[in-house]
Amino acid sequence: MSSDLKLKRDQAGLVVAVIQDAQTRDILMVGYMNDEAFEKTRSTGLVHFFSRSRQKLWCKGETSGNTLAVESVRLDCDQDAILVLATPAGPTCHTGATSCFFRELDGDALVTVKT
């Protein structure tokens, strides 16, 4: 890593990663990256995450084929959050929705607004 690049990780060694559609600018999903996922994302051009529930590295779309091709990687001012601008190959959400953010809070109810 460059001497300017100093990711600030949480106690589990993870950094939050927000994935944004490079064309529409819609937020597609949020995940977590450890050092290996971050480096794989940079070296392969496909978004990788660290699964907290399975405790392993995974490439987005490895089973569905709905990968996320990296267009650019940005870090916030504190280097404790990653923003990846990506081009999706199909829906991003496991539900089949374009984005994982397809529901809106209306009072105490969740209302589908976009799929």
PDB file of N, CA and C in Angstrom:
ATOM      1  N   MET A   1       0.833  -1.189   0.000  1.00  0.00           N
ATOM      2  CA  MET A   1       0.000   0.000   0.000  1.00  0.00           C
ATOM      3  C   MET A   1       0.876   1.251   0.000  1.00  0.00           C
ATOM      4  N   SER A   2       0.355   2.280  -0.583  1.00  0.00           N
ATOM      5  CA  SER A   2       1.042   3.565  -0.623  1.00  0.00           C
ATOM      6  C   SER A   2       1.221   4.092   0.792  1.00  0.00           C
ATOM      7  N   SER A   3       2.242   4.915   0.973  1.00  0.00           N
ATOM      8  CA  SER A   3       2.471   5.495   2.295  1.00  0.00           C
ATOM      9  C   SER A   3       1.340   6.444   2.693  1.00  0.00           C
ATOM     10  N   ASP A   4       0.575   6.960   1.709  1.00  0.00           N
ATOM     11  CA  ASP A   4      -0.567   7.815   2.004  1.00  0.00           C
ATOM     12  C   ASP A   4      -1.783   7.016   2.450  1.00  0.00           C
ATOM     13  N   LEU A   5      -1.794   5.732   2.122  1.00  0.00           N
ATOM     14  CA  LEU A   5      -2.942   4.875   2.389  1.00  0.00           C
ATOM     15  C   LEU A   5      -2.797   4.226   3.761  1.00  0.00           C
ATOM     16  N   LYS A   6      -3.636   4.682   4.694  1.00  0.00           N
ATOM     17  CA  LYS A   6      -3.592   4.157   6.057  1.00  0.00           C
ATOM     18  C   LYS A   6      -5.019   3.898   6.530  1.00  0.00           C
ATOM     19  N   LEU A   7      -5.585   2.799   6.057  1.00  0.00           N
ATOM     20  CA  LEU A   7      -6.953   2.465   6.447  1.00  0.00           C
ATOM     21  C   LEU A   7      -7.075   2.336   7.954  1.00  0.00           C
ATOM     22  N   LYS A   8      -8.124   2.916   8.499  1.00  0.00           N
ATOM     23  CA  LYS A   8      -8.411   2.789   9.929  1.00  0.00           C
ATOM     24  C   LYS A   8      -9.483   1.730  10.082  1.00  0.00           C
ATOM     25  N   ARG A   9      -9.105   0.616  10.663  1.00  0.00           N
ATOM     26  CA  ARG A   9     -10.003  -0.517  10.815  1.00  0.00           C
ATOM     27  C   ARG A   9     -10.638  -0.524  12.192  1.00  0.00           C
ATOM     28  N   ASP A  10     -11.784  -1.209  12.291  1.00  0.00           N
ATOM     29  CA  ASP A  10     -12.413  -1.370  13.606  1.00  0.00           C
ATOM     30  C   ASP A  10     -11.676  -2.468  14.375  1.00  0.00           C
ATOM     31  N   GLN A  11     -12.176  -2.831  15.546  1.00  0.00           N
ATOM     32  CA  GLN A  11     -11.486  -3.811  16.388  1.00  0.00           C
ATOM     33  C   GLN A  11     -11.396  -5.189  15.737  1.00  0.00           C
ATOM     34  N   ALA A  12     -12.291  -5.471  14.798  1.00  0.00           N
ATOM     35  CA  ALA A  12     -12.271  -6.757  14.087  1.00  0.00           C
ATOM     36  C   ALA A  12     -11.391  -6.699  12.840  1.00  0.00           C
ATOM     37  N   GLY A  13     -10.766  -5.534  12.584  1.00  0.00           N
ATOM     38  CA  GLY A  13      -9.908  -5.391  11.424  1.00  0.00           C
ATOM     39  C   GLY A  13     -10.656  -5.072  10.142  1.00  0.00           C
ATOM     40  N   LEU A  14     -11.880  -4.542  10.281  1.00  0.00           N
ATOM     41  CA  LEU A  14     -12.740  -4.288   9.127  1.00  0.00           C
ATOM     42  C   LEU A  14     -12.969  -2.798   8.899  1.00  0.00           C
ATOM     43  N   VAL A  15     -13.277  -2.477   7.637  1.00  0.00           N
ATOM     44  CA  VAL A  15     -13.634  -1.118   7.237  1.00  0.00           C
ATOM     45  C   VAL A  15     -14.952  -1.216   6.482  1.00  0.00           C
ATOM     46  N   VAL A  16     -15.880  -0.313   6.779  1.00  0.00           N
ATOM     47  CA  VAL A  16     -17.159  -0.306   6.065  1.00  0.00           C
ATOM     48  C   VAL A  16     -16.924   0.123   4.614  1.00  0.00           C
ATOM     49  N   ALA A  17     -17.630  -0.554   3.693  1.00  0.00           N
ATOM     50  CA  ALA A  17     -17.505  -0.245   2.271  1.00  0.00           C
ATOM     51  C   ALA A  17     -18.892   0.003   1.690  1.00  0.00           C
ATOM     52  N   VAL A  18     -19.083   1.201   1.170  1.00  0.00           N
ATOM     53  CA  VAL A  18     -20.334   1.581   0.524  1.00  0.00           C
ATOM     54  C   VAL A  18     -20.129   1.404  -0.976  1.00  0.00           C
ATOM     55  N   ILE A  19     -21.073   0.706  -1.614  1.00  0.00           N
ATOM     56  CA  ILE A  19     -20.973   0.472  -3.051  1.00  0.00           C
ATOM     57  C   ILE A  19     -22.022   1.314  -3.745  1.00  0.00           C
ATOM     58  N   GLN A  20     -21.563   2.143  -4.684  1.00  0.00           N
ATOM     59  CA  GLN A  20     -22.426   3.076  -5.402  1.00  0.00           C
ATOM     60  C   GLN A  20     -22.352   2.777  -6.896  1.00  0.00           C
ATOM     61  N   ASP A  21     -23.505   2.809  -7.560  1.00  0.00           N
ATOM     62  CA  ASP A  21     -23.544   2.598  -9.009  1.00  0.00           C
ATOM     63  C   ASP A  21     -22.795   3.741  -9.691  1.00  0.00           C
ATOM     64  N   ALA A  22     -21.813   3.410 -10.498  1.00  0.00           N
ATOM     65  CA  ALA A  22     -20.975   4.423 -11.145  1.00  0.00           C
ATOM     66  C   ALA A  22     -21.763   5.306 -12.109  1.00  0.00           C
ATOM     67  N   GLN A  23     -22.841   4.789 -12.683  1.00  0.00           N
ATOM     68  CA  GLN A  23     -23.629   5.558 -13.649  1.00  0.00           C
ATOM     69  C   GLN A  23     -24.771   6.325 -12.972  1.00  0.00           C
ATOM     70  N   THR A  24     -25.614   5.618 -12.211  1.00  0.00           N
ATOM     71  CA  THR A  24     -26.815   6.244 -11.636  1.00  0.00           C
ATOM     72  C   THR A  24     -26.542   6.957 -10.325  1.00  0.00           C
ATOM     73  N   ARG A  25     -25.436   6.603  -9.673  1.00  0.00           N
ATOM     74  CA  ARG A  25     -25.056   7.109  -8.349  1.00  0.00           C
ATOM     75  C   ARG A  25     -25.965   6.588  -7.235  1.00  0.00           C
ATOM     76  N   ASP A  26     -26.821   5.597  -7.531  1.00  0.00           N
ATOM     77  CA  ASP A  26     -27.626   4.953  -6.486  1.00  0.00           C
ATOM     78  C   ASP A  26     -26.698   4.160  -5.572  1.00  0.00           C
ATOM     79  N   ILE A  27     -26.998   4.142  -4.271  1.00  0.00           N
ATOM     80  CA  ILE A  27     -26.266   3.287  -3.347  1.00  0.00           C
ATOM     81  C   ILE A  27     -26.794   1.873  -3.544  1.00  0.00           C
ATOM     82  N   LEU A  28     -25.897   0.946  -3.835  1.00  0.00           N
ATOM     83  CA  LEU A  28     -26.303  -0.420  -4.116  1.00  0.00           C
ATOM     84  C   LEU A  28     -26.282  -1.303  -2.877  1.00  0.00           C
ATOM     85  N   MET A  29     -25.247  -1.186  -2.082  1.00  0.00           N
ATOM     86  CA  MET A  29     -25.138  -2.020  -0.887  1.00  0.00           C
ATOM     87  C   MET A  29     -24.035  -1.500   0.016  1.00  0.00           C
ATOM     88  N   VAL A  30     -23.975  -2.071   1.202  1.00  0.00           N
ATOM     89  CA  VAL A  30     -22.922  -1.780   2.162  1.00  0.00           C
ATOM     90  C   VAL A  30     -22.375  -3.113   2.657  1.00  0.00           C
ATOM     91  N   GLY A  31     -21.083  -3.200   2.767  1.00  0.00           N
ATOM     92  CA  GLY A  31     -20.449  -4.414   3.284  1.00  0.00           C
ATOM     93  C   GLY A  31     -19.208  -4.029   4.059  1.00  0.00           C
ATOM     94  N   TYR A  32     -18.419  -5.024   4.393  1.00  0.00           N
ATOM     95  CA  TYR A  32     -17.189  -4.802   5.150  1.00  0.00           C
ATOM     96  C   TYR A  32     -16.012  -5.428   4.428  1.00  0.00           C
ATOM     97  N   MET A  33     -14.875  -4.759   4.485  1.00  0.00           N
ATOM     98  CA  MET A  33     -13.650  -5.270   3.893  1.00  0.00           C
ATOM     99  C   MET A  33     -12.566  -5.364   4.952  1.00  0.00           C
ATOM    100  N   ASN A  34     -11.830  -6.471   4.900  1.00  0.00           N
ATOM    101  CA  ASN A  34     -10.585  -6.553   5.649  1.00  0.00           C
ATOM    102  C   ASN A  34      -9.467  -6.253   4.653  1.00  0.00           C
ATOM    103  N   ASP A  35      -8.222  -6.348   5.065  1.00  0.00           N
ATOM    104  CA  ASP A  35      -7.115  -6.024   4.158  1.00  0.00           C
ATOM    105  C   ASP A  35      -7.135  -6.899   2.905  1.00  0.00           C
ATOM    106  N   GLU A  36      -7.417  -8.195   3.082  1.00  0.00           N
ATOM    107  CA  GLU A  36      -7.426  -9.107   1.932  1.00  0.00           C
ATOM    108  C   GLU A  36      -8.532  -8.747   0.942  1.00  0.00           C
ATOM    109  N   ALA A  37      -9.730  -8.441   1.437  1.00  0.00           N
ATOM    110  CA  ALA A  37     -10.838  -8.064   0.559  1.00  0.00           C
ATOM    111  C   ALA A  37     -10.526  -6.762  -0.172  1.00  0.00           C
ATOM    112  N   PHE A  38      -9.928  -5.820   0.524  1.00  0.00           N
ATOM    113  CA  PHE A  38      -9.561  -4.537  -0.088  1.00  0.00           C
ATOM    114  C   PHE A  38      -8.540  -4.746  -1.205  1.00  0.00           C
ATOM    115  N   GLU A  39      -7.520  -5.543  -0.938  1.00  0.00           N
ATOM    116  CA  GLU A  39      -6.491  -5.792  -1.947  1.00  0.00           C
ATOM    117  C   GLU A  39      -7.042  -6.592  -3.124  1.00  0.00           C
ATOM    118  N   LYS A  40      -7.914  -7.579  -2.862  1.00  0.00           N
ATOM    119  CA  LYS A  40      -8.527  -8.360  -3.949  1.00  0.00           C
ATOM    120  C   LYS A  40      -9.411  -7.466  -4.811  1.00  0.00           C
ATOM    121  N   THR A  41     -10.135  -6.557  -4.176  1.00  0.00           N
ATOM    122  CA  THR A  41     -10.971  -5.617  -4.915  1.00  0.00           C
ATOM    123  C   THR A  41     -10.104  -4.780  -5.848  1.00  0.00           C
ATOM    124  N   ARG A  42      -9.001  -4.308  -5.347  1.00  0.00           N
ATOM    125  CA  ARG A  42      -8.100  -3.481  -6.151  1.00  0.00           C
ATOM    126  C   ARG A  42      -7.397  -4.286  -7.242  1.00  0.00           C
ATOM    127  N   SER A  43      -6.985  -5.499  -6.945  1.00  0.00           N
ATOM    128  CA  SER A  43      -6.196  -6.267  -7.916  1.00  0.00           C
ATOM    129  C   SER A  43      -7.044  -6.969  -8.979  1.00  0.00           C
ATOM    130  N   THR A  44      -8.276  -7.343  -8.643  1.00  0.00           N
ATOM    131  CA  THR A  44      -9.104  -8.084  -9.607  1.00  0.00           C
ATOM    132  C   THR A  44     -10.081  -7.202 -10.365  1.00  0.00           C
ATOM    133  N   GLY A  45     -10.399  -6.031  -9.799  1.00  0.00           N
ATOM    134  CA  GLY A  45     -11.393  -5.167 -10.432  1.00  0.00           C
ATOM    135  C   GLY A  45     -12.820  -5.595 -10.135  1.00  0.00           C
ATOM    136  N   LEU A  46     -12.993  -6.551  -9.236  1.00  0.00           N
ATOM    137  CA  LEU A  46     -14.318  -6.978  -8.775  1.00  0.00           C
ATOM    138  C   LEU A  46     -14.401  -6.755  -7.272  1.00  0.00           C
ATOM    139  N   VAL A  47     -15.578  -6.344  -6.798  1.00  0.00           N
ATOM    140  CA  VAL A  47     -15.743  -6.047  -5.376  1.00  0.00           C
ATOM    141  C   VAL A  47     -15.719  -7.332  -4.558  1.00  0.00           C
ATOM    142  N   HIS A  48     -14.880  -7.336  -3.538  1.00  0.00           N
ATOM    143  CA  HIS A  48     -14.781  -8.431  -2.575  1.00  0.00           C
ATOM    144  C   HIS A  48     -15.112  -7.892  -1.192  1.00  0.00           C
ATOM    145  N   PHE A  49     -15.659  -8.742  -0.363  1.00  0.00           N
ATOM    146  CA  PHE A  49     -15.984  -8.387   1.018  1.00  0.00           C
ATOM    147  C   PHE A  49     -15.466  -9.456   1.958  1.00  0.00           C
ATOM    148  N   PHE A  50     -15.485  -9.106   3.238  1.00  0.00           N
ATOM    149  CA  PHE A  50     -15.268 -10.103   4.273  1.00  0.00           C
ATOM    150  C   PHE A  50     -16.612 -10.340   4.937  1.00  0.00           C
ATOM    151  N   SER A  51     -17.073 -11.581   4.907  1.00  0.00           N
ATOM    152  CA  SER A  51     -18.349 -11.924   5.525  1.00  0.00           C
ATOM    153  C   SER A  51     -18.164 -12.083   7.031  1.00  0.00           C
ATOM    154  N   ARG A  52     -18.851 -11.257   7.777  1.00  0.00           N
ATOM    155  CA  ARG A  52     -18.770 -11.352   9.238  1.00  0.00           C
ATOM    156  C   ARG A  52     -19.467 -12.591   9.751  1.00  0.00           C
ATOM    157  N   SER A  53     -20.550 -13.009   9.102  1.00  0.00           N
ATOM    158  CA  SER A  53     -21.290 -14.185   9.573  1.00  0.00           C
ATOM    159  C   SER A  53     -20.567 -15.491   9.232  1.00  0.00           C
ATOM    160  N   ARG A  54     -19.946 -15.550   8.056  1.00  0.00           N
ATOM    161  CA  ARG A  54     -19.243 -16.769   7.644  1.00  0.00           C
ATOM    162  C   ARG A  54     -17.749 -16.717   7.948  1.00  0.00           C
ATOM    163  N   GLN A  55     -17.280 -15.538   8.346  1.00  0.00           N
ATOM    164  CA  GLN A  55     -15.863 -15.337   8.663  1.00  0.00           C
ATOM    165  C   GLN A  55     -14.949 -15.749   7.512  1.00  0.00           C
ATOM    166  N   LYS A  56     -15.319 -15.276   6.293  1.00  0.00           N
ATOM    167  CA  LYS A  56     -14.472 -15.579   5.146  1.00  0.00           C
ATOM    168  C   LYS A  56     -14.611 -14.524   4.067  1.00  0.00           C
ATOM    169  N   LEU A  57     -13.618 -14.481   3.205  1.00  0.00           N
ATOM    170  CA  LEU A  57     -13.597 -13.582   2.060  1.00  0.00           C
ATOM    171  C   LEU A  57     -14.594 -14.083   1.019  1.00  0.00           C
ATOM    172  N   TRP A  58     -15.281 -13.146   0.347  1.00  0.00           N
ATOM    173  CA  TRP A  58     -16.161 -13.537  -0.758  1.00  0.00           C
ATOM    174  C   TRP A  58     -16.194 -12.449  -1.810  1.00  0.00           C
ATOM    175  N   CYS A  59     -16.344 -12.875  -3.047  1.00  0.00           N
ATOM    176  CA  CYS A  59     -16.471 -11.961  -4.173  1.00  0.00           C
ATOM    177  C   CYS A  59     -17.954 -11.766  -4.440  1.00  0.00           C
ATOM    178  N   LYS A  60     -18.413 -10.538  -4.479  1.00  0.00           N
ATOM    179  CA  LYS A  60     -19.818 -10.263  -4.754  1.00  0.00           C
ATOM    180  C   LYS A  60     -20.166 -10.871  -6.101  1.00  0.00           C
ATOM    181  N   GLY A  61     -21.184 -11.727  -6.106  1.00  0.00           N
ATOM    182  CA  GLY A  61     -21.636 -12.368  -7.338  1.00  0.00           C
ATOM    183  C   GLY A  61     -21.011 -13.719  -7.607  1.00  0.00           C
ATOM    184  N   GLU A  62     -20.221 -14.232  -6.650  1.00  0.00           N
ATOM    185  CA  GLU A  62     -19.534 -15.499  -6.904  1.00  0.00           C
ATOM    186  C   GLU A  62     -20.509 -16.661  -7.115  1.00  0.00           C
ATOM    187  N   THR A  63     -21.708 -16.581  -6.569  1.00  0.00           N
ATOM    188  CA  THR A  63     -22.695 -17.640  -6.821  1.00  0.00           C
ATOM    189  C   THR A  63     -23.793 -17.184  -7.775  1.00  0.00           C
ATOM    190  N   SER A  64     -24.185 -15.924  -7.701  1.00  0.00           N
ATOM    191  CA  SER A  64     -25.286 -15.416  -8.539  1.00  0.00           C
ATOM    192  C   SER A  64     -24.835 -14.957  -9.922  1.00  0.00           C
ATOM    193  N   GLY A  65     -23.557 -14.614 -10.042  1.00  0.00           N
ATOM    194  CA  GLY A  65     -23.072 -14.028 -11.292  1.00  0.00           C
ATOM    195  C   GLY A  65     -23.270 -12.525 -11.350  1.00  0.00           C
ATOM    196  N   ASN A  66     -23.929 -11.953 -10.339  1.00  0.00           N
ATOM    197  CA  ASN A  66     -24.204 -10.515 -10.292  1.00  0.00           C
ATOM    198  C   ASN A  66     -23.036  -9.779  -9.637  1.00  0.00           C
ATOM    199  N   THR A  67     -21.951  -9.714 -10.380  1.00  0.00           N
ATOM    200  CA  THR A  67     -20.737  -9.102  -9.861  1.00  0.00           C
ATOM    201  C   THR A  67     -20.832  -7.576  -9.880  1.00  0.00           C
ATOM    202  N   LEU A  68     -19.866  -6.950  -9.240  1.00  0.00           N
ATOM    203  CA  LEU A  68     -19.726  -5.501  -9.220  1.00  0.00           C
ATOM    204  C   LEU A  68     -18.338  -5.160  -9.742  1.00  0.00           C
ATOM    205  N   ALA A  69     -18.271  -4.591 -10.936  1.00  0.00           N
ATOM    206  CA  ALA A  69     -16.994  -4.217 -11.545  1.00  0.00           C
ATOM    207  C   ALA A  69     -16.572  -2.840 -11.045  1.00  0.00           C
ATOM    208  N   VAL A  70     -15.392  -2.758 -10.498  1.00  0.00           N
ATOM    209  CA  VAL A  70     -14.880  -1.525  -9.894  1.00  0.00           C
ATOM    210  C   VAL A  70     -14.541  -0.497 -10.969  1.00  0.00           C
ATOM    211  N   GLU A  71     -15.081   0.700 -10.795  1.00  0.00           N
ATOM    212  CA  GLU A  71     -14.729   1.844 -11.642  1.00  0.00           C
ATOM    213  C   GLU A  71     -13.726   2.739 -10.918  1.00  0.00           C
ATOM    214  N   SER A  72     -13.954   2.955  -9.618  1.00  0.00           N
ATOM    215  CA  SER A  72     -12.998   3.714  -8.818  1.00  0.00           C
ATOM    216  C   SER A  72     -13.213   3.414  -7.348  1.00  0.00           C
ATOM    217  N   VAL A  73     -12.173   3.662  -6.575  1.00  0.00           N
ATOM    218  CA  VAL A  73     -12.207   3.448  -5.123  1.00  0.00           C
ATOM    219  C   VAL A  73     -11.837   4.773  -4.467  1.00  0.00           C
ATOM    220  N   ARG A  74     -12.668   5.183  -3.523  1.00  0.00           N
ATOM    221  CA  ARG A  74     -12.419   6.424  -2.795  1.00  0.00           C
ATOM    222  C   ARG A  74     -12.417   6.130  -1.298  1.00  0.00           C
ATOM    223  N   LEU A  75     -11.678   6.918  -0.561  1.00  0.00           N
ATOM    224  CA  LEU A  75     -11.664   6.814   0.895  1.00  0.00           C
ATOM    225  C   LEU A  75     -12.165   8.124   1.472  1.00  0.00           C
ATOM    226  N   ASP A  76     -12.843   8.034   2.608  1.00  0.00           N
ATOM    227  CA  ASP A  76     -13.286   9.270   3.240  1.00  0.00           C
ATOM    228  C   ASP A  76     -12.088   9.960   3.887  1.00  0.00           C
ATOM    229  N   CYS A  77     -12.324  11.154   4.415  1.00  0.00           N
ATOM    230  CA  CYS A  77     -11.240  11.991   4.936  1.00  0.00           C
ATOM    231  C   CYS A  77     -10.476  11.345   6.088  1.00  0.00           C
ATOM    232  N   ASP A  78     -11.136  10.484   6.860  1.00  0.00           N
ATOM    233  CA  ASP A  78     -10.479   9.819   7.986  1.00  0.00           C
ATOM    234  C   ASP A  78      -9.909   8.457   7.611  1.00  0.00           C
ATOM    235  N   GLN A  79     -10.146   8.016   6.398  1.00  0.00           N
ATOM    236  CA  GLN A  79      -9.732   6.706   5.899  1.00  0.00           C
ATOM    237  C   GLN A  79     -10.306   5.562   6.729  1.00  0.00           C
ATOM    238  N   ASP A  80     -11.548   5.777   7.226  1.00  0.00           N
ATOM    239  CA  ASP A  80     -12.208   4.699   7.960  1.00  0.00           C
ATOM    240  C   ASP A  80     -13.485   4.236   7.265  1.00  0.00           C
ATOM    241  N   ALA A  81     -13.666   4.655   6.019  1.00  0.00           N
ATOM    242  CA  ALA A  81     -14.786   4.194   5.196  1.00  0.00           C
ATOM    243  C   ALA A  81     -14.343   4.220   3.733  1.00  0.00           C
ATOM    244  N   ILE A  82     -14.818   3.232   2.991  1.00  0.00           N
ATOM    245  CA  ILE A  82     -14.473   3.093   1.584  1.00  0.00           C
ATOM    246  C   ILE A  82     -15.729   3.310   0.754  1.00  0.00           C
ATOM    247  N   LEU A  83     -15.586   4.034  -0.336  1.00  0.00           N
ATOM    248  CA  LEU A  83     -16.658   4.194  -1.317  1.00  0.00           C
ATOM    249  C   LEU A  83     -16.158   3.593  -2.621  1.00  0.00           C
ATOM    250  N   VAL A  84     -16.889   2.593  -3.115  1.00  0.00           N
ATOM    251  CA  VAL A  84     -16.532   1.973  -4.388  1.00  0.00           C
ATOM    252  C   VAL A  84     -17.595   2.349  -5.404  1.00  0.00           C
ATOM    253  N   LEU A  85     -17.172   2.987  -6.488  1.00  0.00           N
ATOM    254  CA  LEU A  85     -18.058   3.233  -7.617  1.00  0.00           C
ATOM    255  C   LEU A  85     -17.918   2.028  -8.529  1.00  0.00           C
ATOM    256  N   ALA A  86     -19.043   1.367  -8.803  1.00  0.00           N
ATOM    257  CA  ALA A  86     -18.993   0.102  -9.527  1.00  0.00           C
ATOM    258  C   ALA A  86     -20.096   0.011 -10.568  1.00  0.00           C
ATOM    259  N   THR A  87     -19.876  -0.859 -11.536  1.00  0.00           N
ATOM    260  CA  THR A  87     -20.885  -1.176 -12.540  1.00  0.00           C
ATOM    261  C   THR A  87     -21.423  -2.568 -12.228  1.00  0.00           C
ATOM    262  N   PRO A  88     -22.718  -2.653 -11.888  1.00  0.00           N
ATOM    263  CA  PRO A  88     -23.285  -3.955 -11.543  1.00  0.00           C
ATOM    264  C   PRO A  88     -23.614  -4.787 -12.778  1.00  0.00           C
ATOM    265  N   ALA A  89     -23.427  -6.098 -12.648  1.00  0.00           N
ATOM    266  CA  ALA A  89     -23.831  -7.044 -13.697  1.00  0.00           C
ATOM    267  C   ALA A  89     -25.075  -7.753 -13.171  1.00  0.00           C
ATOM    268  N   GLY A  90     -26.193  -7.053 -13.215  1.00  0.00           N
ATOM    269  CA  GLY A  90     -27.435  -7.612 -12.683  1.00  0.00           C
ATOM    270  C   GLY A  90     -27.791  -6.983 -11.357  1.00  0.00           C
ATOM    271  N   PRO A  91     -28.857  -7.477 -10.735  1.00  0.00           N
ATOM    272  CA  PRO A  91     -29.291  -6.915  -9.455  1.00  0.00           C
ATOM    273  C   PRO A  91     -28.247  -7.148  -8.366  1.00  0.00           C
ATOM    274  N   THR A  92     -28.128  -6.196  -7.471  1.00  0.00           N
ATOM    275  CA  THR A  92     -27.143  -6.295  -6.403  1.00  0.00           C
ATOM    276  C   THR A  92     -27.679  -7.046  -5.191  1.00  0.00           C
ATOM    277  N   CYS A  93     -28.923  -6.816  -4.838  1.00  0.00           N
ATOM    278  CA  CYS A  93     -29.493  -7.407  -3.625  1.00  0.00           C
ATOM    279  C   CYS A  93     -29.832  -8.881  -3.832  1.00  0.00           C
ATOM    280  N   HIS A  94     -29.663  -9.670  -2.778  1.00  0.00           N
ATOM    281  CA  HIS A  94     -29.991 -11.099  -2.849  1.00  0.00           C
ATOM    282  C   HIS A  94     -31.488 -11.341  -3.069  1.00  0.00           C
ATOM    283  N   THR A  95     -32.304 -10.299  -2.869  1.00  0.00           N
ATOM    284  CA  THR A  95     -33.753 -10.420  -3.093  1.00  0.00           C
ATOM    285  C   THR A  95     -34.116 -10.277  -4.568  1.00  0.00           C
ATOM    286  N   GLY A  96     -33.139  -9.858  -5.369  1.00  0.00           N
ATOM    287  CA  GLY A  96     -33.390  -9.598  -6.784  1.00  0.00           C
ATOM    288  C   GLY A  96     -33.591  -8.129  -7.089  1.00  0.00           C
ATOM    289  N   ALA A  97     -33.581  -7.301  -6.059  1.00  0.00           N
ATOM    290  CA  ALA A  97     -33.718  -5.851  -6.255  1.00  0.00           C
ATOM    291  C   ALA A  97     -32.404  -5.270  -6.779  1.00  0.00           C
ATOM    292  N   THR A  98     -32.517  -4.182  -7.505  1.00  0.00           N
ATOM    293  CA  THR A  98     -31.342  -3.498  -8.049  1.00  0.00           C
ATOM    294  C   THR A  98     -30.394  -3.070  -6.939  1.00  0.00           C
ATOM    295  N   SER A  99     -30.956  -2.566  -5.845  1.00  0.00           N
ATOM    296  CA  SER A  99     -30.196  -2.076  -4.703  1.00  0.00           C
ATOM    297  C   SER A  99     -30.722  -2.737  -3.438  1.00  0.00           C
ATOM    298  N   CYS A 100     -29.878  -2.849  -2.433  1.00  0.00           N
ATOM    299  CA  CYS A 100     -30.330  -3.352  -1.136  1.00  0.00           C
ATOM    300  C   CYS A 100     -31.190  -2.312  -0.408  1.00  0.00           C
ATOM    301  N   PHE A 101     -31.191  -1.075  -0.891  1.00  0.00           N
ATOM    302  CA  PHE A 101     -31.933   0.017  -0.261  1.00  0.00           C
ATOM    303  C   PHE A 101     -33.213   0.307  -1.039  1.00  0.00           C
ATOM    304  N   PHE A 102     -34.128  -0.661  -1.042  1.00  0.00           N
ATOM    305  CA  PHE A 102     -35.362  -0.529  -1.814  1.00  0.00           C
ATOM    306  C   PHE A 102     -36.589  -0.326  -0.934  1.00  0.00           C
ATOM    307  N   ARG A 103     -36.368  -0.177   0.361  1.00  0.00           N
ATOM    308  CA  ARG A 103     -37.493   0.054   1.274  1.00  0.00           C
ATOM    309  C   ARG A 103     -37.297   1.362   2.021  1.00  0.00           C
ATOM    310  N   GLU A 104     -38.422   2.036   2.244  1.00  0.00           N
ATOM    311  CA  GLU A 104     -38.409   3.316   2.938  1.00  0.00           C
ATOM    312  C   GLU A 104     -39.222   3.193   4.213  1.00  0.00           C
ATOM    313  N   LEU A 105     -38.764   3.838   5.253  1.00  0.00           N
ATOM    314  CA  LEU A 105     -39.486   3.850   6.513  1.00  0.00           C
ATOM    315  C   LEU A 105     -40.624   4.856   6.441  1.00  0.00           C
ATOM    316  N   ASP A 106     -41.832   4.368   6.660  1.00  0.00           N
ATOM    317  CA  ASP A 106     -43.044   5.204   6.664  1.00  0.00           C
ATOM    318  C   ASP A 106     -43.705   4.974   8.012  1.00  0.00           C
ATOM    319  N   GLY A 107     -43.412   5.858   8.972  1.00  0.00           N
ATOM    320  CA  GLY A 107     -43.858   5.614  10.343  1.00  0.00           C
ATOM    321  C   GLY A 107     -43.097   4.427  10.884  1.00  0.00           C
ATOM    322  N   ASP A 108     -43.820   3.360  11.242  1.00  0.00           N
ATOM    323  CA  ASP A 108     -43.195   2.133  11.713  1.00  0.00           C
ATOM    324  C   ASP A 108     -43.194   1.049  10.647  1.00  0.00           C
ATOM    325  N   ALA A 109     -43.631   1.377   9.450  1.00  0.00           N
ATOM    326  CA  ALA A 109     -43.739   0.392   8.375  1.00  0.00           C
ATOM    327  C   ALA A 109     -42.620   0.593   7.343  1.00  0.00           C
ATOM    328  N   LEU A 110     -42.202  -0.515   6.770  1.00  0.00           N
ATOM    329  CA  LEU A 110     -41.263  -0.474   5.647  1.00  0.00           C
ATOM    330  C   LEU A 110     -42.063  -0.617   4.357  1.00  0.00           C
ATOM    331  N   VAL A 111     -41.883   0.336   3.463  1.00  0.00           N
ATOM    332  CA  VAL A 111     -42.625   0.383   2.221  1.00  0.00           C
ATOM    333  C   VAL A 111     -41.634   0.225   1.066  1.00  0.00           C
ATOM    334  N   THR A 112     -41.928  -0.688   0.139  1.00  0.00           N
ATOM    335  CA  THR A 112     -41.070  -0.872  -1.031  1.00  0.00           C
ATOM    336  C   THR A 112     -41.214   0.345  -1.943  1.00  0.00           C
ATOM    337  N   VAL A 113     -40.090   0.970  -2.270  1.00  0.00           N
ATOM    338  CA  VAL A 113     -40.111   2.150  -3.107  1.00  0.00           C
ATOM    339  C   VAL A 113     -39.394   1.941  -4.431  1.00  0.00           C
ATOM    340  N   LYS A 114     -38.520   0.949  -4.492  1.00  0.00           N
ATOM    341  CA  LYS A 114     -37.714   0.759  -5.690  1.00  0.00           C
ATOM    342  C   LYS A 114     -37.175  -0.665  -5.695  1.00  0.00           C
ATOM    343  N   THR A 115     -37.265  -1.316  -6.837  1.00  0.00           N
ATOM    344  CA  THR A 115     -36.663  -2.661  -6.931  1.00  0.00           C
ATOM    345  C   THR A 115     -35.760  -2.761  -8.122  1.00  0.00           C
TER     346      THR A 115
END
